[in-house]
Amino acid sequence: EDETGRALVESANSKTVAASEEIEVGDSEDASERLRSFLAARSV
């Protein structure tokens, strides 16, 4: 949305360049449920 209206942006056939940040990940004992699930699905 800008001052003149809104536009639908389709995600199909898109390339994204996004600003990133480093995320601190604590020990597994202190990990959130989301992180536990993430690690369980990604053994590497």
PDB file of all heavy atoms in Angstrom:
ATOM      1  N   GLU A   1       0.833  -1.196   0.000  1.00  0.00           N
ATOM      2  CA  GLU A   1       0.000   0.000   0.000  1.00  0.00           C
ATOM      3  C   GLU A   1       0.866   1.244   0.000  1.00  0.00           C
ATOM      4  O   GLU A   1       1.793   1.366   0.803  1.00  0.00           O
ATOM      5  CB  GLU A   1      -0.916   0.009   1.230  1.00  0.00           C
ATOM      6  CG  GLU A   1      -1.834   1.225   1.289  1.00  0.00           C
ATOM      7  CD  GLU A   1      -2.754   1.220   2.495  1.00  0.00           C
ATOM      8  OE1 GLU A   1      -2.415   0.538   3.489  1.00  0.00           O
ATOM      9  OE2 GLU A   1      -3.804   1.892   2.462  1.00  0.00           O
ATOM     10  N   ASP A   2       0.567   2.181  -0.919  1.00  0.00           N
ATOM     11  CA  ASP A   2       1.176   3.505  -0.855  1.00  0.00           C
ATOM     12  C   ASP A   2       0.056   4.540  -0.742  1.00  0.00           C
ATOM     13  O   ASP A   2      -1.104   4.194  -0.499  1.00  0.00           O
ATOM     14  CB  ASP A   2       2.114   3.762  -2.048  1.00  0.00           C
ATOM     15  CG  ASP A   2       1.372   3.870  -3.385  1.00  0.00           C
ATOM     16  OD1 ASP A   2       0.116   3.906  -3.388  1.00  0.00           O
ATOM     17  OD2 ASP A   2       2.049   3.932  -4.430  1.00  0.00           O
ATOM     18  N   GLU A   3       0.379   5.827  -0.930  1.00  0.00           N
ATOM     19  CA  GLU A   3      -0.623   6.882  -0.736  1.00  0.00           C
ATOM     20  C   GLU A   3      -1.724   6.821  -1.786  1.00  0.00           C
ATOM     21  O   GLU A   3      -2.788   7.443  -1.615  1.00  0.00           O
ATOM     22  CB  GLU A   3       0.041   8.258  -0.795  1.00  0.00           C
ATOM     23  CG  GLU A   3       1.279   8.437   0.055  1.00  0.00           C
ATOM     24  CD  GLU A   3       2.523   7.852  -0.610  1.00  0.00           C
ATOM     25  OE1 GLU A   3       2.736   8.049  -1.821  1.00  0.00           O
ATOM     26  OE2 GLU A   3       3.270   7.168   0.111  1.00  0.00           O
ATOM     27  N   THR A   4      -1.500   6.078  -2.884  1.00  0.00           N
ATOM     28  CA  THR A   4      -2.463   6.082  -3.986  1.00  0.00           C
ATOM     29  C   THR A   4      -3.284   4.811  -4.097  1.00  0.00           C
ATOM     30  O   THR A   4      -4.212   4.751  -4.902  1.00  0.00           O
ATOM     31  CB  THR A   4      -1.737   6.312  -5.328  1.00  0.00           C
ATOM     32  OG1 THR A   4      -0.925   5.172  -5.641  1.00  0.00           O
ATOM     33  CG2 THR A   4      -0.859   7.553  -5.267  1.00  0.00           C
ATOM     34  N   GLY A   5      -2.960   3.791  -3.339  1.00  0.00           N
ATOM     35  CA  GLY A   5      -3.738   2.560  -3.437  1.00  0.00           C
ATOM     36  C   GLY A   5      -2.978   1.338  -2.973  1.00  0.00           C
ATOM     37  O   GLY A   5      -1.904   1.438  -2.359  1.00  0.00           O
ATOM     38  N   ARG A   6      -3.561   0.177  -3.280  1.00  0.00           N
ATOM     39  CA  ARG A   6      -2.961  -1.102  -2.907  1.00  0.00           C
ATOM     40  C   ARG A   6      -2.722  -1.948  -4.145  1.00  0.00           C
ATOM     41  O   ARG A   6      -3.427  -1.802  -5.154  1.00  0.00           O
ATOM     42  CB  ARG A   6      -3.859  -1.879  -1.939  1.00  0.00           C
ATOM     43  CG  ARG A   6      -3.917  -1.317  -0.533  1.00  0.00           C
ATOM     44  CD  ARG A   6      -4.537  -2.339   0.414  1.00  0.00           C
ATOM     45  NE  ARG A   6      -4.611  -1.849   1.786  1.00  0.00           N
ATOM     46  CZ  ARG A   6      -4.787  -2.636   2.844  1.00  0.00           C
ATOM     47  NH1 ARG A   6      -4.908  -3.945   2.688  1.00  0.00           N
ATOM     48  NH2 ARG A   6      -4.849  -2.136   4.060  1.00  0.00           N
ATOM     49  N   ALA A   7      -1.748  -2.844  -4.040  1.00  0.00           N
ATOM     50  CA  ALA A   7      -1.441  -3.772  -5.121  1.00  0.00           C
ATOM     51  C   ALA A   7      -1.231  -5.162  -4.547  1.00  0.00           C
ATOM     52  O   ALA A   7      -0.581  -5.317  -3.509  1.00  0.00           O
ATOM     53  CB  ALA A   7      -0.201  -3.329  -5.888  1.00  0.00           C
ATOM     54  N   LEU A   8      -1.774  -6.163  -5.215  1.00  0.00           N
ATOM     55  CA  LEU A   8      -1.529  -7.554  -4.858  1.00  0.00           C
ATOM     56  C   LEU A   8      -0.205  -7.982  -5.483  1.00  0.00           C
ATOM     57  O   LEU A   8       0.000  -7.805  -6.687  1.00  0.00           O
ATOM     58  CB  LEU A   8      -2.657  -8.440  -5.385  1.00  0.00           C
ATOM     59  CG  LEU A   8      -2.423  -9.952  -5.315  1.00  0.00           C
ATOM     60  CD1 LEU A   8      -2.383 -10.428  -3.869  1.00  0.00           C
ATOM     61  CD2 LEU A   8      -3.485 -10.697  -6.111  1.00  0.00           C
ATOM     62  N   VAL A   9       0.688  -8.528  -4.685  1.00  0.00           N
ATOM     63  CA  VAL A   9       1.984  -9.005  -5.175  1.00  0.00           C
ATOM     64  C   VAL A   9       1.958 -10.528  -5.153  1.00  0.00           C
ATOM     65  O   VAL A   9       1.796 -11.134  -4.091  1.00  0.00           O
ATOM     66  CB  VAL A   9       3.152  -8.477  -4.322  1.00  0.00           C
ATOM     67  CG1 VAL A   9       4.485  -9.000  -4.850  1.00  0.00           C
ATOM     68  CG2 VAL A   9       3.149  -6.949  -4.312  1.00  0.00           C
ATOM     69  N   GLU A  10       2.106 -11.143  -6.322  1.00  0.00           N
ATOM     70  CA  GLU A  10       2.093 -12.594  -6.408  1.00  0.00           C
ATOM     71  C   GLU A  10       3.463 -13.160  -6.050  1.00  0.00           C
ATOM     72  O   GLU A  10       4.494 -12.647  -6.502  1.00  0.00           O
ATOM     73  CB  GLU A  10       1.699 -13.043  -7.811  1.00  0.00           C
ATOM     74  CG  GLU A  10       0.244 -12.777  -8.152  1.00  0.00           C
ATOM     75  CD  GLU A  10      -0.175 -13.479  -9.428  1.00  0.00           C
ATOM     76  OE1 GLU A  10       0.698 -13.832 -10.244  1.00  0.00           O
ATOM     77  OE2 GLU A  10      -1.392 -13.678  -9.611  1.00  0.00           O
ATOM     78  N   SER A  11       3.464 -14.216  -5.264  1.00  0.00           N
ATOM     79  CA  SER A  11       4.717 -14.829  -4.824  1.00  0.00           C
ATOM     80  C   SER A  11       5.254 -15.846  -5.827  1.00  0.00           C
ATOM     81  O   SER A  11       6.443 -16.168  -5.817  1.00  0.00           O
ATOM     82  CB  SER A  11       4.530 -15.513  -3.470  1.00  0.00           C
ATOM     83  OG  SER A  11       3.473 -16.469  -3.533  1.00  0.00           O
ATOM     84  N   ALA A  12       4.380 -16.354  -6.706  1.00  0.00           N
ATOM     85  CA  ALA A  12       4.848 -17.291  -7.725  1.00  0.00           C
ATOM     86  C   ALA A  12       5.815 -16.575  -8.655  1.00  0.00           C
ATOM     87  O   ALA A  12       5.601 -15.400  -8.993  1.00  0.00           O
ATOM     88  CB  ALA A  12       3.659 -17.841  -8.510  1.00  0.00           C
ATOM     89  N   ASN A  13       6.876 -17.245  -9.056  1.00  0.00           N
ATOM     90  CA  ASN A  13       7.892 -16.645  -9.929  1.00  0.00           C
ATOM     91  C   ASN A  13       8.441 -15.352  -9.322  1.00  0.00           C
ATOM     92  O   ASN A  13       8.397 -14.287  -9.942  1.00  0.00           O
ATOM     93  CB  ASN A  13       7.312 -16.370 -11.325  1.00  0.00           C
ATOM     94  CG  ASN A  13       6.900 -17.622 -12.048  1.00  0.00           C
ATOM     95  OD1 ASN A  13       7.647 -18.592 -12.103  1.00  0.00           O
ATOM     96  ND2 ASN A  13       5.695 -17.626 -12.587  1.00  0.00           N
ATOM     97  N   SER A  14       8.930 -15.454  -8.096  1.00  0.00           N
ATOM     98  CA  SER A  14       9.493 -14.276  -7.427  1.00  0.00           C
ATOM     99  C   SER A  14      10.880 -14.587  -6.875  1.00  0.00           C
ATOM    100  O   SER A  14      11.227 -15.741  -6.624  1.00  0.00           O
ATOM    101  CB  SER A  14       8.583 -13.793  -6.296  1.00  0.00           C
ATOM    102  OG  SER A  14       8.517 -14.751  -5.252  1.00  0.00           O
ATOM    103  N   LYS A  15      11.668 -13.517  -6.720  1.00  0.00           N
ATOM    104  CA  LYS A  15      12.981 -13.582  -6.088  1.00  0.00           C
ATOM    105  C   LYS A  15      13.016 -12.531  -4.996  1.00  0.00           C
ATOM    106  O   LYS A  15      12.658 -11.373  -5.232  1.00  0.00           O
ATOM    107  CB  LYS A  15      14.101 -13.298  -7.096  1.00  0.00           C
ATOM    108  CG  LYS A  15      14.179 -14.278  -8.264  1.00  0.00           C
ATOM    109  CD  LYS A  15      14.832 -15.575  -7.849  1.00  0.00           C
ATOM    110  CE  LYS A  15      15.074 -16.485  -9.054  1.00  0.00           C
ATOM    111  NZ  LYS A  15      15.722 -17.757  -8.669  1.00  0.00           N
ATOM    112  N   THR A  16      13.444 -12.928  -3.795  1.00  0.00           N
ATOM    113  CA  THR A  16      13.440 -12.002  -2.667  1.00  0.00           C
ATOM    114  C   THR A  16      14.846 -11.798  -2.131  1.00  0.00           C
ATOM    115  O   THR A  16      15.593 -12.753  -1.951  1.00  0.00           O
ATOM    116  CB  THR A  16      12.538 -12.523  -1.535  1.00  0.00           C
ATOM    117  OG1 THR A  16      11.206 -12.694  -2.039  1.00  0.00           O
ATOM    118  CG2 THR A  16      12.504 -11.543  -0.366  1.00  0.00           C
ATOM    119  N   VAL A  17      15.185 -10.524  -1.896  1.00  0.00           N
ATOM    120  CA  VAL A  17      16.448 -10.152  -1.261  1.00  0.00           C
ATOM    121  C   VAL A  17      16.073  -9.452   0.036  1.00  0.00           C
ATOM    122  O   VAL A  17      15.590  -8.314   0.012  1.00  0.00           O
ATOM    123  CB  VAL A  17      17.281  -9.209  -2.151  1.00  0.00           C
ATOM    124  CG1 VAL A  17      18.629  -8.931  -1.514  1.00  0.00           C
ATOM    125  CG2 VAL A  17      17.456  -9.799  -3.540  1.00  0.00           C
ATOM    126  N   ALA A  18      16.248 -10.113   1.152  1.00  0.00           N
ATOM    127  CA  ALA A  18      15.743  -9.588   2.416  1.00  0.00           C
ATOM    128  C   ALA A  18      16.866  -9.322   3.408  1.00  0.00           C
ATOM    129  O   ALA A  18      17.871 -10.027   3.425  1.00  0.00           O
ATOM    130  CB  ALA A  18      14.733 -10.563   3.025  1.00  0.00           C
ATOM    131  N   ALA A  19      16.682  -8.281   4.222  1.00  0.00           N
ATOM    132  CA  ALA A  19      17.634  -7.977   5.285  1.00  0.00           C
ATOM    133  C   ALA A  19      17.553  -9.049   6.356  1.00  0.00           C
ATOM    134  O   ALA A  19      16.463  -9.452   6.769  1.00  0.00           O
ATOM    135  CB  ALA A  19      17.328  -6.604   5.874  1.00  0.00           C
ATOM    136  N   SER A  20      18.700  -9.532   6.813  1.00  0.00           N
ATOM    137  CA  SER A  20      18.724 -10.630   7.775  1.00  0.00           C
ATOM    138  C   SER A  20      19.331 -10.188   9.098  1.00  0.00           C
ATOM    139  O   SER A  20      19.977  -9.147   9.197  1.00  0.00           O
ATOM    140  CB  SER A  20      19.529 -11.810   7.229  1.00  0.00           C
ATOM    141  OG  SER A  20      20.880 -11.432   7.077  1.00  0.00           O
ATOM    142  N   GLU A  21      19.148 -11.008  10.111  1.00  0.00           N
ATOM    143  CA  GLU A  21      19.791 -10.786  11.399  1.00  0.00           C
ATOM    144  C   GLU A  21      20.219 -12.128  11.973  1.00  0.00           C
ATOM    145  O   GLU A  21      19.603 -13.165  11.691  1.00  0.00           O
ATOM    146  CB  GLU A  21      18.844 -10.081  12.363  1.00  0.00           C
ATOM    147  CG  GLU A  21      17.548 -10.826  12.632  1.00  0.00           C
ATOM    148  CD  GLU A  21      16.643 -10.072  13.590  1.00  0.00           C
ATOM    149  OE1 GLU A  21      17.133  -9.644  14.651  1.00  0.00           O
ATOM    150  OE2 GLU A  21      15.448  -9.922  13.270  1.00  0.00           O
ATOM    151  N   GLU A  22      21.291 -12.091  12.747  1.00  0.00           N
ATOM    152  CA  GLU A  22      21.752 -13.318  13.375  1.00  0.00           C
ATOM    153  C   GLU A  22      20.922 -13.580  14.618  1.00  0.00           C
ATOM    154  O   GLU A  22      20.700 -12.690  15.441  1.00  0.00           O
ATOM    155  CB  GLU A  22      23.232 -13.226  13.733  1.00  0.00           C
ATOM    156  CG  GLU A  22      23.788 -14.522  14.303  1.00  0.00           C
ATOM    157  CD  GLU A  22      25.309 -14.530  14.420  1.00  0.00           C
ATOM    158  OE1 GLU A  22      25.934 -13.525  14.029  1.00  0.00           O
ATOM    159  OE2 GLU A  22      25.851 -15.537  14.914  1.00  0.00           O
ATOM    160  N   ILE A  23      20.437 -14.804  14.749  1.00  0.00           N
ATOM    161  CA  ILE A  23      19.576 -15.182  15.861  1.00  0.00           C
ATOM    162  C   ILE A  23      20.375 -16.019  16.845  1.00  0.00           C
ATOM    163  O   ILE A  23      20.996 -17.023  16.470  1.00  0.00           O
ATOM    164  CB  ILE A  23      18.355 -15.985  15.371  1.00  0.00           C
ATOM    165  CG1 ILE A  23      17.613 -15.224  14.255  1.00  0.00           C
ATOM    166  CG2 ILE A  23      17.431 -16.307  16.530  1.00  0.00           C
ATOM    167  CD1 ILE A  23      17.080 -13.889  14.677  1.00  0.00           C
ATOM    168  N   GLU A  24      20.368 -15.614  18.090  1.00  0.00           N
ATOM    169  CA  GLU A  24      21.044 -16.377  19.128  1.00  0.00           C
ATOM    170  C   GLU A  24      20.170 -17.570  19.517  1.00  0.00           C
ATOM    171  O   GLU A  24      19.002 -17.416  19.856  1.00  0.00           O
ATOM    172  CB  GLU A  24      21.309 -15.501  20.355  1.00  0.00           C
ATOM    173  CG  GLU A  24      22.312 -14.376  20.106  1.00  0.00           C
ATOM    174  CD  GLU A  24      23.720 -14.894  19.862  1.00  0.00           C
ATOM    175  OE1 GLU A  24      24.038 -16.011  20.337  1.00  0.00           O
ATOM    176  OE2 GLU A  24      24.492 -14.198  19.188  1.00  0.00           O
ATOM    177  N   VAL A  25      20.740 -18.746  19.459  1.00  0.00           N
ATOM    178  CA  VAL A  25      20.025 -19.960  19.825  1.00  0.00           C
ATOM    179  C   VAL A  25      20.678 -20.543  21.070  1.00  0.00           C
ATOM    180  O   VAL A  25      21.870 -20.857  21.083  1.00  0.00           O
ATOM    181  CB  VAL A  25      20.059 -20.989  18.681  1.00  0.00           C
ATOM    182  CG1 VAL A  25      19.416 -22.296  19.119  1.00  0.00           C
ATOM    183  CG2 VAL A  25      19.340 -20.429  17.461  1.00  0.00           C
ATOM    184  N   GLY A  26      19.898 -20.664  22.143  1.00  0.00           N
ATOM    185  CA  GLY A  26      20.451 -21.132  23.405  1.00  0.00           C
ATOM    186  C   GLY A  26      20.619 -22.638  23.447  1.00  0.00           C
ATOM    187  O   GLY A  26      20.412 -23.349  22.463  1.00  0.00           O
ATOM    188  N   ASP A  27      20.991 -23.140  24.614  1.00  0.00           N
ATOM    189  CA  ASP A  27      21.125 -24.576  24.803  1.00  0.00           C
ATOM    190  C   ASP A  27      19.776 -25.255  24.640  1.00  0.00           C
ATOM    191  O   ASP A  27      18.714 -24.658  24.855  1.00  0.00           O
ATOM    192  CB  ASP A  27      21.672 -24.886  26.206  1.00  0.00           C
ATOM    193  CG  ASP A  27      23.086 -24.343  26.383  1.00  0.00           C
ATOM    194  OD1 ASP A  27      23.785 -24.212  25.357  1.00  0.00           O
ATOM    195  OD2 ASP A  27      23.459 -24.040  27.525  1.00  0.00           O
ATOM    196  N   SER A  28      19.816 -26.519  24.292  1.00  0.00           N
ATOM    197  CA  SER A  28      18.575 -27.242  24.037  1.00  0.00           C
ATOM    198  C   SER A  28      17.661 -27.263  25.254  1.00  0.00           C
ATOM    199  O   SER A  28      16.445 -27.300  25.125  1.00  0.00           O
ATOM    200  CB  SER A  28      18.892 -28.671  23.588  1.00  0.00           C
ATOM    201  OG  SER A  28      19.651 -29.345  24.586  1.00  0.00           O
ATOM    202  N   GLU A  29      18.227 -27.216  26.444  1.00  0.00           N
ATOM    203  CA  GLU A  29      17.394 -27.243  27.649  1.00  0.00           C
ATOM    204  C   GLU A  29      16.563 -25.971  27.774  1.00  0.00           C
ATOM    205  O   GLU A  29      15.491 -25.977  28.375  1.00  0.00           O
ATOM    206  CB  GLU A  29      18.274 -27.414  28.891  1.00  0.00           C
ATOM    207  CG  GLU A  29      18.956 -28.784  28.973  1.00  0.00           C
ATOM    208  CD  GLU A  29      19.767 -28.921  30.242  1.00  0.00           C
ATOM    209  OE1 GLU A  29      19.790 -27.961  31.040  1.00  0.00           O
ATOM    210  OE2 GLU A  29      20.363 -29.987  30.456  1.00  0.00           O
ATOM    211  N   ASP A  30      17.080 -24.859  27.232  1.00  0.00           N
ATOM    212  CA  ASP A  30      16.371 -23.586  27.319  1.00  0.00           C
ATOM    213  C   ASP A  30      15.592 -23.265  26.046  1.00  0.00           C
ATOM    214  O   ASP A  30      14.996 -22.199  25.937  1.00  0.00           O
ATOM    215  CB  ASP A  30      17.370 -22.447  27.590  1.00  0.00           C
ATOM    216  CG  ASP A  30      18.134 -22.659  28.891  1.00  0.00           C
ATOM    217  OD1 ASP A  30      17.516 -23.161  29.843  1.00  0.00           O
ATOM    218  OD2 ASP A  30      19.333 -22.351  28.932  1.00  0.00           O
ATOM    219  N   ALA A  31      15.618 -24.155  25.074  1.00  0.00           N
ATOM    220  CA  ALA A  31      15.027 -23.871  23.773  1.00  0.00           C
ATOM    221  C   ALA A  31      13.504 -23.785  23.861  1.00  0.00           C
ATOM    222  O   ALA A  31      12.871 -24.461  24.664  1.00  0.00           O
ATOM    223  CB  ALA A  31      15.424 -24.946  22.763  1.00  0.00           C
ATOM    224  N   SER A  32      12.944 -22.947  23.002  1.00  0.00           N
ATOM    225  CA  SER A  32      11.493 -22.841  22.927  1.00  0.00           C
ATOM    226  C   SER A  32      10.930 -24.083  22.252  1.00  0.00           C
ATOM    227  O   SER A  32      11.646 -24.855  21.609  1.00  0.00           O
ATOM    228  CB  SER A  32      11.116 -21.596  22.115  1.00  0.00           C
ATOM    229  OG  SER A  32      11.532 -21.759  20.767  1.00  0.00           O
ATOM    230  N   GLU A  33       9.632 -24.245  22.390  1.00  0.00           N
ATOM    231  CA  GLU A  33       8.979 -25.381  21.742  1.00  0.00           C
ATOM    232  C   GLU A  33       9.134 -25.298  20.228  1.00  0.00           C
ATOM    233  O   GLU A  33       9.297 -26.315  19.548  1.00  0.00           O
ATOM    234  CB  GLU A  33       7.501 -25.413  22.120  1.00  0.00           C
ATOM    235  CG  GLU A  33       6.761 -26.638  21.611  1.00  0.00           C
ATOM    236  CD  GLU A  33       7.351 -27.940  22.135  1.00  0.00           C
ATOM    237  OE1 GLU A  33       7.791 -27.974  23.298  1.00  0.00           O
ATOM    238  OE2 GLU A  33       7.361 -28.928  21.362  1.00  0.00           O
ATOM    239  N   ARG A  34       9.108 -24.062  19.686  1.00  0.00           N
ATOM    240  CA  ARG A  34       9.286 -23.889  18.252  1.00  0.00           C
ATOM    241  C   ARG A  34      10.658 -24.382  17.808  1.00  0.00           C
ATOM    242  O   ARG A  34      10.791 -25.083  16.806  1.00  0.00           O
ATOM    243  CB  ARG A  34       9.119 -22.413  17.876  1.00  0.00           C
ATOM    244  CG  ARG A  34       9.339 -22.126  16.389  1.00  0.00           C
ATOM    245  CD  ARG A  34       9.069 -20.666  16.080  1.00  0.00           C
ATOM    246  NE  ARG A  34       7.685 -20.358  16.356  1.00  0.00           N
ATOM    247  CZ  ARG A  34       6.688 -20.590  15.508  1.00  0.00           C
ATOM    248  NH1 ARG A  34       6.943 -21.151  14.348  1.00  0.00           N
ATOM    249  NH2 ARG A  34       5.467 -20.289  15.822  1.00  0.00           N
ATOM    250  N   LEU A  35      11.710 -24.039  18.593  1.00  0.00           N
ATOM    251  CA  LEU A  35      13.059 -24.476  18.236  1.00  0.00           C
ATOM    252  C   LEU A  35      13.198 -25.981  18.392  1.00  0.00           C
ATOM    253  O   LEU A  35      13.842 -26.643  17.570  1.00  0.00           O
ATOM    254  CB  LEU A  35      14.099 -23.757  19.096  1.00  0.00           C
ATOM    255  CG  LEU A  35      15.559 -24.118  18.825  1.00  0.00           C
ATOM    256  CD1 LEU A  35      15.915 -23.888  17.364  1.00  0.00           C
ATOM    257  CD2 LEU A  35      16.492 -23.321  19.731  1.00  0.00           C
ATOM    258  N   ARG A  36      12.600 -26.533  19.410  1.00  0.00           N
ATOM    259  CA  ARG A  36      12.652 -27.988  19.595  1.00  0.00           C
ATOM    260  C   ARG A  36      12.042 -28.707  18.382  1.00  0.00           C
ATOM    261  O   ARG A  36      12.591 -29.685  17.870  1.00  0.00           O
ATOM    262  CB  ARG A  36      11.908 -28.390  20.872  1.00  0.00           C
ATOM    263  CG  ARG A  36      12.591 -27.971  22.173  1.00  0.00           C
ATOM    264  CD  ARG A  36      11.727 -28.356  23.358  1.00  0.00           C
ATOM    265  NE  ARG A  36      12.236 -27.821  24.607  1.00  0.00           N
ATOM    266  CZ  ARG A  36      13.146 -28.430  25.358  1.00  0.00           C
ATOM    267  NH1 ARG A  36      13.636 -29.591  24.983  1.00  0.00           N
ATOM    268  NH2 ARG A  36      13.561 -27.878  26.495  1.00  0.00           N
ATOM    269  N   SER A  37      10.901 -28.206  17.920  1.00  0.00           N
ATOM    270  CA  SER A  37      10.250 -28.810  16.766  1.00  0.00           C
ATOM    271  C   SER A  37      11.108 -28.643  15.519  1.00  0.00           C
ATOM    272  O   SER A  37      11.212 -29.566  14.691  1.00  0.00           O
ATOM    273  CB  SER A  37       8.877 -28.173  16.541  1.00  0.00           C
ATOM    274  OG  SER A  37       8.037 -28.395  17.654  1.00  0.00           O
ATOM    275  N   PHE A  38      11.720 -27.472  15.393  1.00  0.00           N
ATOM    276  CA  PHE A  38      12.585 -27.210  14.240  1.00  0.00           C
ATOM    277  C   PHE A  38      13.754 -28.195  14.202  1.00  0.00           C
ATOM    278  O   PHE A  38      14.055 -28.797  13.170  1.00  0.00           O
ATOM    279  CB  PHE A  38      13.103 -25.775  14.325  1.00  0.00           C
ATOM    280  CG  PHE A  38      14.155 -25.438  13.303  1.00  0.00           C
ATOM    281  CD1 PHE A  38      13.796 -25.063  12.019  1.00  0.00           C
ATOM    282  CD2 PHE A  38      15.500 -25.493  13.626  1.00  0.00           C
ATOM    283  CE1 PHE A  38      14.765 -24.759  11.078  1.00  0.00           C
ATOM    284  CE2 PHE A  38      16.476 -25.186  12.694  1.00  0.00           C
ATOM    285  CZ  PHE A  38      16.105 -24.818  11.410  1.00  0.00           C
ATOM    286  N   LEU A  39      14.411 -28.382  15.333  1.00  0.00           N
ATOM    287  CA  LEU A  39      15.559 -29.283  15.386  1.00  0.00           C
ATOM    288  C   LEU A  39      15.148 -30.735  15.168  1.00  0.00           C
ATOM    289  O   LEU A  39      15.867 -31.505  14.528  1.00  0.00           O
ATOM    290  CB  LEU A  39      16.275 -29.130  16.727  1.00  0.00           C
ATOM    291  CG  LEU A  39      16.946 -27.780  16.983  1.00  0.00           C
ATOM    292  CD1 LEU A  39      17.529 -27.729  18.388  1.00  0.00           C
ATOM    293  CD2 LEU A  39      18.031 -27.503  15.959  1.00  0.00           C
ATOM    294  N   ALA A  40      13.982 -31.098  15.696  1.00  0.00           N
ATOM    295  CA  ALA A  40      13.521 -32.475  15.538  1.00  0.00           C
ATOM    296  C   ALA A  40      13.302 -32.829  14.075  1.00  0.00           C
ATOM    297  O   ALA A  40      13.496 -33.974  13.666  1.00  0.00           O
ATOM    298  CB  ALA A  40      12.231 -32.684  16.331  1.00  0.00           C
ATOM    299  N   ALA A  41      12.922 -31.831  13.268  1.00  0.00           N
ATOM    300  CA  ALA A  41      12.653 -32.071  11.850  1.00  0.00           C
ATOM    301  C   ALA A  41      13.883 -31.903  10.979  1.00  0.00           C
ATOM    302  O   ALA A  41      13.837 -32.204   9.787  1.00  0.00           O
ATOM    303  CB  ALA A  41      11.547 -31.138  11.370  1.00  0.00           C
ATOM    304  N   ARG A  42      14.982 -31.419  11.552  1.00  0.00           N
ATOM    305  CA  ARG A  42      16.186 -31.129  10.768  1.00  0.00           C
ATOM    306  C   ARG A  42      17.406 -31.647  11.527  1.00  0.00           C
ATOM    307  O   ARG A  42      18.100 -30.899  12.211  1.00  0.00           O
ATOM    308  CB  ARG A  42      16.291 -29.631  10.493  1.00  0.00           C
ATOM    309  CG  ARG A  42      15.107 -29.083   9.683  1.00  0.00           C
ATOM    310  CD  ARG A  42      14.957 -27.603   9.859  1.00  0.00           C
ATOM    311  NE  ARG A  42      13.822 -27.069   9.119  1.00  0.00           N
ATOM    312  CZ  ARG A  42      12.579 -27.043   9.577  1.00  0.00           C
ATOM    313  NH1 ARG A  42      12.305 -27.555  10.783  1.00  0.00           N
ATOM    314  NH2 ARG A  42      11.597 -26.528   8.854  1.00  0.00           N
ATOM    315  N   SER A  43      17.657 -32.909  11.368  1.00  0.00           N
ATOM    316  CA  SER A  43      18.698 -33.564  12.159  1.00  0.00           C
ATOM    317  C   SER A  43      20.084 -33.006  11.871  1.00  0.00           C
ATOM    318  O   SER A  43      20.950 -33.022  12.742  1.00  0.00           O
ATOM    319  CB  SER A  43      18.687 -35.067  11.907  1.00  0.00           C
ATOM    320  OG  SER A  43      18.900 -35.358  10.531  1.00  0.00           O
ATOM    321  N   VAL A  44      20.301 -32.492  10.647  1.00  0.00           N
ATOM    322  CA  VAL A  44      21.629 -31.981  10.314  1.00  0.00           C
ATOM    323  C   VAL A  44      21.996 -30.793  11.210  1.00  0.00           C
ATOM    324  O   VAL A  44      23.154 -30.630  11.607  1.00  0.00           O
ATOM    325  CB  VAL A  44      21.700 -31.585   8.818  1.00  0.00           C
ATOM    326  CG1 VAL A  44      20.746 -30.442   8.498  1.00  0.00           C
ATOM    327  CG2 VAL A  44      23.121 -31.211   8.431  1.00  0.00           C
TER     328      VAL A  44
END
